[in-house]
Protein backbone atom coordinates (compact mmCIF):
# COMPACT_ATOMS: atom_id res chain seq x y z
CA UNK A 1 -0.49 -0.09 0.07
CA UNK A 2 1.30 3.42 -0.93
CA UNK A 3 1.24 6.93 1.12
CA UNK A 4 -0.72 9.10 -1.49
CA UNK A 5 0.81 12.08 0.97
CA UNK A 6 3.32 12.16 3.27
CA UNK A 7 2.05 13.82 6.71
CA UNK A 8 5.64 13.60 8.37
CA UNK A 9 7.72 12.00 10.60
CA UNK A 10 7.46 10.23 13.55
CA UNK A 11 10.16 9.03 15.60
CA UNK A 12 12.47 8.97 12.23
CA UNK A 13 9.74 6.78 10.14
CA UNK A 14 7.70 8.54 7.49
CA UNK A 15 4.10 8.73 8.25
CA UNK A 16 1.68 8.49 5.05
CA UNK A 17 -1.67 8.76 3.86
CA UNK A 18 -3.72 6.72 1.22
CA UNK A 19 -6.39 8.15 0.39
CA UNK A 20 -9.71 5.89 0.71
CA UNK A 21 -8.44 7.65 4.38
CA UNK A 22 -10.87 10.66 3.75
CA UNK A 23 -12.72 8.39 2.12
CA UNK A 24 -13.21 6.97 5.64
CA UNK A 25 -12.44 10.37 7.56
CA UNK A 26 -15.31 12.46 6.21
CA UNK A 27 -17.93 8.74 6.60
CA UNK A 28 -17.41 8.81 10.20
CA UNK A 29 -16.83 12.36 10.62
CA UNK A 30 -20.69 12.33 8.83
CA UNK A 31 -21.76 9.99 10.61
CA UNK A 32 -21.31 11.13 12.96
CA UNK A 33 -22.18 14.69 13.34
CA UNK A 34 -25.25 14.01 10.97
CA UNK A 35 -26.75 10.56 12.03
CA UNK A 36 -25.34 9.46 15.75
CA UNK A 37 -24.57 12.00 17.70
CA UNK A 38 -27.98 13.69 16.52
CA UNK A 39 -30.48 11.26 16.95
CA UNK A 40 -28.61 10.21 20.64
CA UNK A 41 -28.57 13.84 21.70
CA UNK A 42 -31.03 16.17 19.89
CA UNK A 43 -31.15 19.57 20.44
CA UNK A 44 -28.13 21.24 19.43
CA UNK A 45 -26.78 23.36 16.65
CA UNK A 46 -25.60 21.93 13.43
CA UNK A 47 -22.01 23.07 14.44
CA UNK A 48 -21.90 21.65 17.75
CA UNK A 49 -22.40 17.73 16.04
CA UNK A 50 -19.70 18.94 13.73
CA UNK A 51 -17.01 19.93 16.16
CA UNK A 52 -18.03 16.38 17.89
CA UNK A 53 -17.81 14.37 14.83
CA UNK A 54 -14.44 15.76 13.20
CA UNK A 55 -13.07 15.58 17.12
CA UNK A 56 -13.62 11.78 16.86
CA UNK A 57 -12.64 10.92 13.42
CA UNK A 58 -9.29 12.63 14.41
CA UNK A 59 -8.98 11.48 18.02
CA UNK A 60 -9.55 7.58 15.63
CA UNK A 61 -7.10 8.68 13.71
CA UNK A 62 -4.27 9.29 15.97
CA UNK A 63 -5.23 5.54 17.32
CA UNK A 64 -4.94 3.98 13.86
CA UNK A 65 -1.43 6.02 14.40
CA UNK A 66 -1.02 4.31 17.23
CA UNK A 67 -1.32 0.91 16.18
CA UNK A 68 1.25 0.82 13.72
CA UNK A 69 3.88 2.65 15.88
CA UNK A 70 3.75 0.12 17.96
CA UNK A 71 4.25 -2.92 15.57
CA UNK A 72 7.34 -0.33 14.00
CA UNK A 73 8.86 -0.40 17.40
CA UNK A 74 8.38 -3.77 18.37
CA UNK A 75 10.56 -4.13 14.93
CA UNK A 76 13.03 -2.21 15.77
CA UNK A 77 13.39 -3.63 18.93
CA UNK A 78 13.38 -7.27 17.13
CA UNK A 79 16.19 -5.81 14.69
CA UNK A 80 13.74 -4.88 10.92
CA UNK A 81 14.55 -1.83 9.89
CA UNK A 82 10.76 0.66 9.17
CA UNK A 83 10.86 1.85 5.79
CA UNK A 84 6.93 4.09 7.05
CA UNK A 85 3.71 3.86 7.83
CA UNK A 86 0.31 4.68 5.76
CA UNK A 87 -3.03 5.76 6.87
CA UNK A 88 -5.17 3.43 4.52
CA UNK A 89 -9.85 2.31 4.97
CA UNK A 90 -8.37 -0.91 6.18
CA UNK A 91 -6.78 0.81 9.35
CA UNK A 92 -3.02 1.14 8.51
CA UNK A 93 -0.03 -1.17 7.23
CA UNK A 94 3.89 -0.42 8.53
CA UNK A 95 6.05 -1.09 5.94
CA UNK A 96 9.51 -3.42 6.98
CA UNK A 97 12.23 -2.24 4.63
CA UNK A 98 13.08 -6.29 5.96
CA UNK A 99 11.45 -10.02 7.07
CA UNK A 100 11.46 -10.90 10.10
CA UNK A 101 14.28 -12.55 11.00
CA UNK A 102 12.36 -16.37 12.81
CA UNK A 103 7.98 -16.89 13.51
CA UNK A 104 8.63 -15.57 17.23
CA UNK A 105 9.75 -12.08 15.36
CA UNK A 106 6.66 -12.43 13.49
CA UNK A 107 4.37 -13.05 15.82
CA UNK A 108 5.54 -11.05 18.47
CA UNK A 109 6.09 -7.56 15.12
CA UNK A 110 2.22 -9.16 14.35
CA UNK A 111 0.97 -9.17 17.87
CA UNK A 112 1.72 -6.17 19.15
CA UNK A 113 -0.56 -4.15 17.39
CA UNK A 114 -4.16 -5.61 17.88
CA UNK A 115 -2.71 -5.55 21.29
CA UNK A 116 -2.93 -1.56 21.74
CA UNK A 117 -6.58 -1.11 19.60
CA UNK A 118 -7.75 -3.65 22.81
CA UNK A 119 -5.79 -1.38 25.40
CA UNK A 120 -6.48 1.73 23.70
CA UNK A 121 -10.41 0.42 23.87
CA UNK A 122 -9.48 -0.48 27.08
CA UNK A 123 -9.25 2.74 28.01
CA UNK A 124 -11.61 4.29 26.28
CA UNK A 125 -14.23 2.56 28.25
CA UNK A 126 -12.51 3.51 31.64
CA UNK A 127 -12.83 6.53 30.20
CA UNK A 128 -17.11 6.65 29.50
CA UNK A 129 -17.37 5.82 32.50
CA UNK A 130 -15.53 8.18 34.78
CA UNK A 131 -16.79 11.28 32.44
CA UNK A 132 -19.95 9.73 33.41
CA UNK A 133 -19.29 9.74 36.90
CA UNK A 134 -18.75 13.74 36.39
CA UNK A 135 -21.70 14.36 34.57
CA UNK A 136 -19.83 16.01 31.20
CA UNK A 137 -21.71 17.17 27.86
CA UNK A 138 -23.45 13.75 26.93
CA UNK A 139 -21.61 14.52 23.53
CA UNK A 140 -18.19 14.01 24.96
CA UNK A 141 -19.98 11.29 27.15
CA UNK A 142 -21.09 10.03 23.96
CA UNK A 143 -17.80 10.20 21.57
CA UNK A 144 -15.29 8.70 23.97
CA UNK A 145 -18.03 6.18 24.01
CA UNK A 146 -18.42 5.78 20.25
CA UNK A 147 -13.81 5.93 20.23
CA UNK A 148 -13.95 2.71 22.44
CA UNK A 149 -15.93 0.73 20.31
CA UNK A 150 -14.18 1.38 17.46
CA UNK A 151 -10.89 0.60 19.27
CA UNK A 152 -12.16 -2.88 20.43
CA UNK A 153 -13.79 -3.79 17.01
CA UNK A 154 -10.66 -2.54 15.32
CA UNK A 155 -8.65 -5.60 17.50
CA UNK A 156 -10.90 -7.74 16.74
CA UNK A 157 -11.21 -7.08 12.89
CA UNK A 158 -7.31 -6.77 12.88
CA UNK A 159 -7.44 -10.09 14.46
CA UNK A 160 -7.89 -11.48 11.80
CA UNK A 161 -5.96 -14.83 10.42
CA UNK A 162 -6.24 -13.34 6.93
CA UNK A 163 -3.46 -10.79 5.02
CA UNK A 164 -2.47 -8.38 4.99
CA UNK A 165 -4.31 -7.75 8.57
CA UNK A 166 -2.27 -8.65 12.19
CA UNK A 167 -4.41 -11.62 12.30
CA UNK A 168 -3.14 -12.52 8.44
CA UNK A 169 0.56 -12.17 9.45
CA UNK A 170 -0.08 -14.28 12.88
CA UNK A 171 -1.42 -16.97 11.37
CA UNK A 172 1.91 -16.90 8.72
CA UNK A 173 4.16 -16.89 11.61
CA UNK A 174 2.33 -20.03 13.26
CA UNK A 175 2.28 -21.70 9.36
CA UNK A 176 6.15 -20.98 9.30
CA UNK A 177 6.54 -22.36 12.38
CA UNK A 178 4.77 -25.57 11.43
CA UNK A 179 6.59 -25.58 7.84
CA UNK A 180 9.75 -24.14 8.92
CA UNK A 181 9.09 -22.64 4.69
CA UNK A 182 8.02 -18.89 4.61
CA UNK A 183 6.80 -18.42 1.57
CA UNK A 184 4.87 -21.13 1.94
CA UNK A 185 3.49 -19.84 4.82
CA UNK A 186 3.01 -16.52 3.20
CA UNK A 187 1.28 -17.96 0.80
CA UNK A 188 -1.44 -19.51 3.19
CA UNK A 189 -1.50 -16.27 5.15
CA UNK A 190 -2.42 -14.58 1.86
CA UNK A 191 -4.84 -17.40 0.18
CA UNK A 192 -6.94 -16.43 3.66
CA UNK A 193 -6.90 -12.26 2.66
CA UNK A 194 -8.31 -13.55 -0.70
CA UNK A 195 -11.12 -15.55 0.64
CA UNK A 196 -12.59 -13.61 3.78
CA UNK A 197 -11.97 -10.52 1.02
CA UNK A 198 -14.59 -13.09 -1.12
CA UNK A 199 -16.51 -13.69 1.16
CA UNK A 200 -17.08 -9.87 2.88
CA UNK A 201 -18.30 -8.78 -0.42
CA UNK A 202 -20.44 -11.95 -1.50
CA UNK A 203 -22.22 -10.80 1.41
CA UNK A 204 -22.90 -7.25 1.57
CA UNK A 205 -23.90 -7.49 -2.24
CA UNK A 206 -26.75 -10.09 -1.47
CA UNK A 207 -28.10 -7.96 1.85
CA UNK A 208 -27.32 -4.32 -0.40
CA UNK A 209 -29.27 -5.89 -2.77
CA UNK A 210 -31.56 -7.28 -0.81
CA UNK A 211 -32.94 -4.06 0.58
CA UNK A 212 -30.15 -4.02 3.52
CA UNK A 213 -28.94 -0.43 3.55
CA UNK A 214 -25.46 1.50 2.58
CA UNK A 215 -23.35 -0.73 5.71
CA UNK A 216 -23.20 -3.45 3.96
CA UNK A 217 -21.72 -1.94 0.48
CA UNK A 218 -19.46 -0.50 3.19
CA UNK A 219 -18.42 -4.20 4.39
CA UNK A 220 -18.94 -5.35 0.61
CA UNK A 221 -16.07 -2.51 -0.76
CA UNK A 222 -13.66 -3.29 2.83
CA UNK A 223 -14.21 -6.76 1.03
CA UNK A 224 -12.51 -5.46 -2.28
CA UNK A 225 -9.57 -3.29 -0.36
CA UNK A 226 -9.42 -6.77 1.32
CA UNK A 227 -8.14 -9.02 -1.83
CA UNK A 228 -6.79 -6.25 -3.31
CA UNK A 229 -4.21 -5.33 -0.98
CA UNK A 230 -4.09 -9.40 -0.11
CA UNK A 231 -3.16 -10.31 -3.89
CA UNK A 232 -0.30 -7.72 -3.90
CA UNK A 233 0.80 -9.54 -1.17
CA UNK A 234 0.94 -12.25 -1.79
CA UNK A 235 2.95 -11.49 -6.12
CA UNK A 236 5.19 -9.96 -3.74
CA UNK A 237 6.09 -12.93 -1.75
CA UNK A 238 6.04 -14.94 -5.19
CA UNK A 239 8.72 -12.56 -6.44
CA UNK A 240 10.92 -12.70 -3.12
CA UNK A 241 10.97 -16.32 -3.30
CA UNK A 242 11.98 -16.51 -6.90
CA UNK A 243 14.58 -13.34 -6.43
CA UNK A 244 15.98 -15.22 -2.40
CA UNK A 245 19.74 -15.51 -2.76
CA UNK A 246 20.23 -13.21 -5.72
CA UNK A 247 22.68 -10.25 -4.85
CA UNK A 248 21.57 -7.15 -6.14
CA UNK A 249 25.36 -6.82 -8.23
CA UNK A 250 23.46 -10.41 -10.50
CA UNK A 251 20.37 -7.56 -11.55
CA UNK A 252 21.91 -3.52 -11.53
CA UNK A 253 23.20 -2.09 -14.33
CA UNK A 254 26.73 -1.68 -13.98
CA UNK A 255 29.00 1.49 -13.93
CA UNK A 256 26.38 3.96 -15.35
CA UNK A 257 26.42 7.39 -17.49
CA UNK A 258 26.75 9.87 -14.02
CA UNK A 259 25.38 13.46 -14.67
CA UNK A 260 28.08 16.23 -12.90
CA UNK A 261 25.82 18.41 -10.31
CA UNK A 262 27.17 21.71 -11.98
CA UNK A 263 25.93 20.91 -15.68
CA UNK A 264 23.18 23.21 -17.01
CA UNK A 265 19.81 21.54 -17.78
CA UNK A 266 19.81 23.50 -20.89
CA UNK A 267 23.58 21.40 -21.43
CA UNK A 268 21.68 17.92 -20.02
CA UNK A 269 19.11 18.63 -22.30
CA UNK A 270 20.43 19.32 -25.61
CA UNK A 271 23.22 16.88 -25.41
CA UNK A 272 22.16 12.81 -26.38
CA UNK A 273 24.04 11.26 -24.62
CA UNK A 274 21.06 11.07 -21.92
CA UNK A 275 18.77 11.78 -24.66
CA UNK A 276 18.31 9.09 -25.72
CA UNK A 277 19.37 6.37 -23.13
CA UNK A 278 17.95 6.51 -19.99
CA UNK A 279 14.61 8.74 -18.20
CA UNK A 280 17.18 8.81 -14.55
CA UNK A 281 21.44 9.31 -14.17
CA UNK A 282 23.23 9.64 -10.83
CA UNK A 283 24.84 12.88 -9.99
CA UNK A 284 28.21 13.24 -8.81
CA UNK A 285 29.71 16.15 -7.09
CA UNK A 286 33.08 17.59 -7.67
CA UNK A 287 35.15 15.23 -6.30
CA UNK A 288 33.85 12.48 -8.33
CA UNK A 289 31.20 10.79 -5.21
CA UNK A 290 27.78 10.44 -6.25
CA UNK A 291 25.04 13.80 -4.45
CA UNK A 292 22.53 12.84 -6.26
CA UNK A 293 19.97 10.95 -8.78
CA UNK A 294 18.17 13.28 -11.63
CA UNK A 295 15.69 12.75 -13.91
CA UNK A 296 15.05 13.80 -17.35
CA UNK A 297 10.88 14.93 -16.82
CA UNK A 298 12.61 17.25 -13.65
CA UNK A 299 15.31 18.71 -16.06
CA UNK A 300 11.71 19.39 -18.20
CA UNK A 301 9.84 21.21 -15.75
CA UNK A 302 12.42 23.95 -16.08
CA UNK A 303 11.08 26.86 -18.29
CA UNK A 304 12.96 26.90 -21.59
CA UNK A 305 14.37 30.54 -20.26
CA UNK A 306 16.32 29.33 -17.37
CA UNK A 307 17.64 25.99 -17.88
CA UNK A 308 20.99 27.95 -18.70
CA UNK A 309 21.62 29.10 -15.54
CA UNK A 310 19.65 26.22 -13.04
CA UNK A 311 22.10 23.11 -12.99
CA UNK A 312 21.47 19.32 -12.48
CA UNK A 313 22.77 19.87 -9.09
CA UNK A 314 19.10 22.19 -8.45
CA UNK A 315 17.19 20.34 -9.94
CA UNK A 316 18.11 16.42 -8.85
CA UNK A 317 17.06 14.20 -5.88
CA UNK A 318 19.11 14.55 -2.91
CA UNK A 319 21.95 11.46 -2.26
CA UNK A 320 19.47 11.72 1.01
CA UNK A 321 16.02 11.61 -0.35
CA UNK A 322 18.13 8.47 -2.59
CA UNK A 323 17.38 4.95 -1.51
CA UNK A 324 21.28 3.28 -1.88
CA UNK A 325 21.80 -0.25 -1.00
CA UNK A 326 24.96 -2.32 -1.23
CA UNK A 327 26.10 -4.88 -4.45
CA UNK A 328 25.78 -7.43 -1.63
CA UNK A 329 23.11 -7.41 -0.49
CA UNK A 330 20.22 -8.96 -0.65
CA UNK A 331 17.46 -8.69 -3.31
CA UNK A 332 14.38 -9.53 -1.68
CA UNK A 333 14.74 -7.72 0.82
CA UNK A 334 15.48 -4.24 -0.79
CA UNK A 335 11.99 -4.75 -3.37
CA UNK A 336 10.31 -3.89 -0.86
CA UNK A 337 11.57 -0.13 -1.13
CA UNK A 338 11.64 -0.04 -4.16
CA UNK A 339 8.17 2.42 -6.15
CA UNK A 340 7.79 2.62 -9.67
CA UNK A 341 8.98 5.80 -11.65
CA UNK A 342 12.29 6.89 -13.13
CA UNK A 343 12.50 9.41 -8.82
CA UNK A 344 12.41 6.01 -7.48
CA UNK A 345 15.89 4.00 -9.13
CA UNK A 346 18.89 2.46 -6.94
CA UNK A 347 21.74 3.42 -6.34
CA UNK A 348 24.48 0.61 -5.76
CA UNK A 349 27.25 1.62 -3.51
CA UNK A 350 30.87 0.18 -2.36
CA UNK A 351 32.37 2.27 -0.37
CA UNK A 352 31.40 4.75 -1.29
CA UNK A 353 31.73 4.21 -5.09
CA UNK A 354 29.83 4.43 -7.55
CA UNK A 355 28.92 1.18 -9.29
CA UNK A 356 25.60 0.69 -10.50
CA UNK A 357 21.94 1.52 -10.69
CA UNK A 358 18.67 -0.17 -9.83
CA UNK A 359 15.70 0.19 -11.40
CA UNK A 360 12.22 -2.35 -11.51
CA UNK A 361 12.53 -3.64 -14.97
CA UNK A 362 15.75 -4.91 -14.35
CA UNK A 363 14.32 -6.35 -11.16
CA UNK A 364 11.44 -7.58 -13.99
CA UNK A 365 14.43 -8.90 -16.48
CA UNK A 366 15.75 -11.05 -13.51
CA UNK A 367 12.58 -12.36 -12.66
CA UNK A 368 12.13 -13.48 -16.30
CA UNK A 369 15.74 -14.81 -16.76
CA UNK A 370 15.91 -16.58 -12.89
CA UNK A 371 12.45 -18.89 -14.36
CA UNK A 372 13.31 -19.57 -17.78
CA UNK A 373 16.47 -20.55 -17.28
CA UNK A 374 15.68 -23.70 -15.32
CA UNK A 375 19.44 -26.48 -15.82
CA UNK A 376 18.97 -28.96 -18.69
CA UNK A 377 19.53 -32.46 -17.91
């Protein structure tokens, strides 16, 4: 699940939001402000209901973030580097740069999320009780009660044994422990995810077409997202299985053509050496060391009248924002960190020296070769 936009960083972890969050945020706020709250406690001004509804929605997504941060913290303690956290329709996902080292580590990383949601649900239940005792405003009590229920529901739903839910990770840990094969365990968890997704989608559509409310259509939408996410996870697991044991050096383009940072954008676009070969190039500094990555698309965005004065160094993606790998790194572990687009090329460096560049098309060619180059007897 890729982030549509980024909110910032917490404890060094990039926090992203998928577009589907806006959909669920709007539904939650509207449902509370125009449905639940006026029905339970009528007589307030519309703006009061909207403030209460929006406040509950914000706290709910803070709860989702706490859930995913718990995954990130435990993953780090188990030696797994966290790439980012993405909030989406079904909650959130902490994207890891590598796999857990053992079924026990997988169990700890996956299990902490539902536990945090369960704990938050309990705290909101306690808060509801305390607010009732002190005769707090009824809308506030109702908001806290709703947050208690939704967090408890989130804990239960995420514990379902189906990928990409946390329960799917728990199922994978169990299957991994039983079979000793991580790839087979992943396949089992993703199959469970697709089955659950189809059940939810069919059930939601059937009940909706028979006169059920729009809530059942929402259930079908959740099923569709679950199918898509489980399928994508299954495909990535298959790729990682094919690429297991393959180092980055076997797939990278060696000794790539580089661009000096002091070169003007006009010269870059005018030189046939760059225009007709690739869509992205490593950028080097005065001493020849890599300092970033430039794409032809970013260079073409510079107005023609300024291209003679703007240097490549001014339009490049700096090295700090570029994915860097070593030639002996595992290609399978690098795969989750790669994204489509020329600006997401991976620079391969060996002791500070640029030795190659890697794109998703390079990995695709490697996978094709591995799958068709079976030894003949």
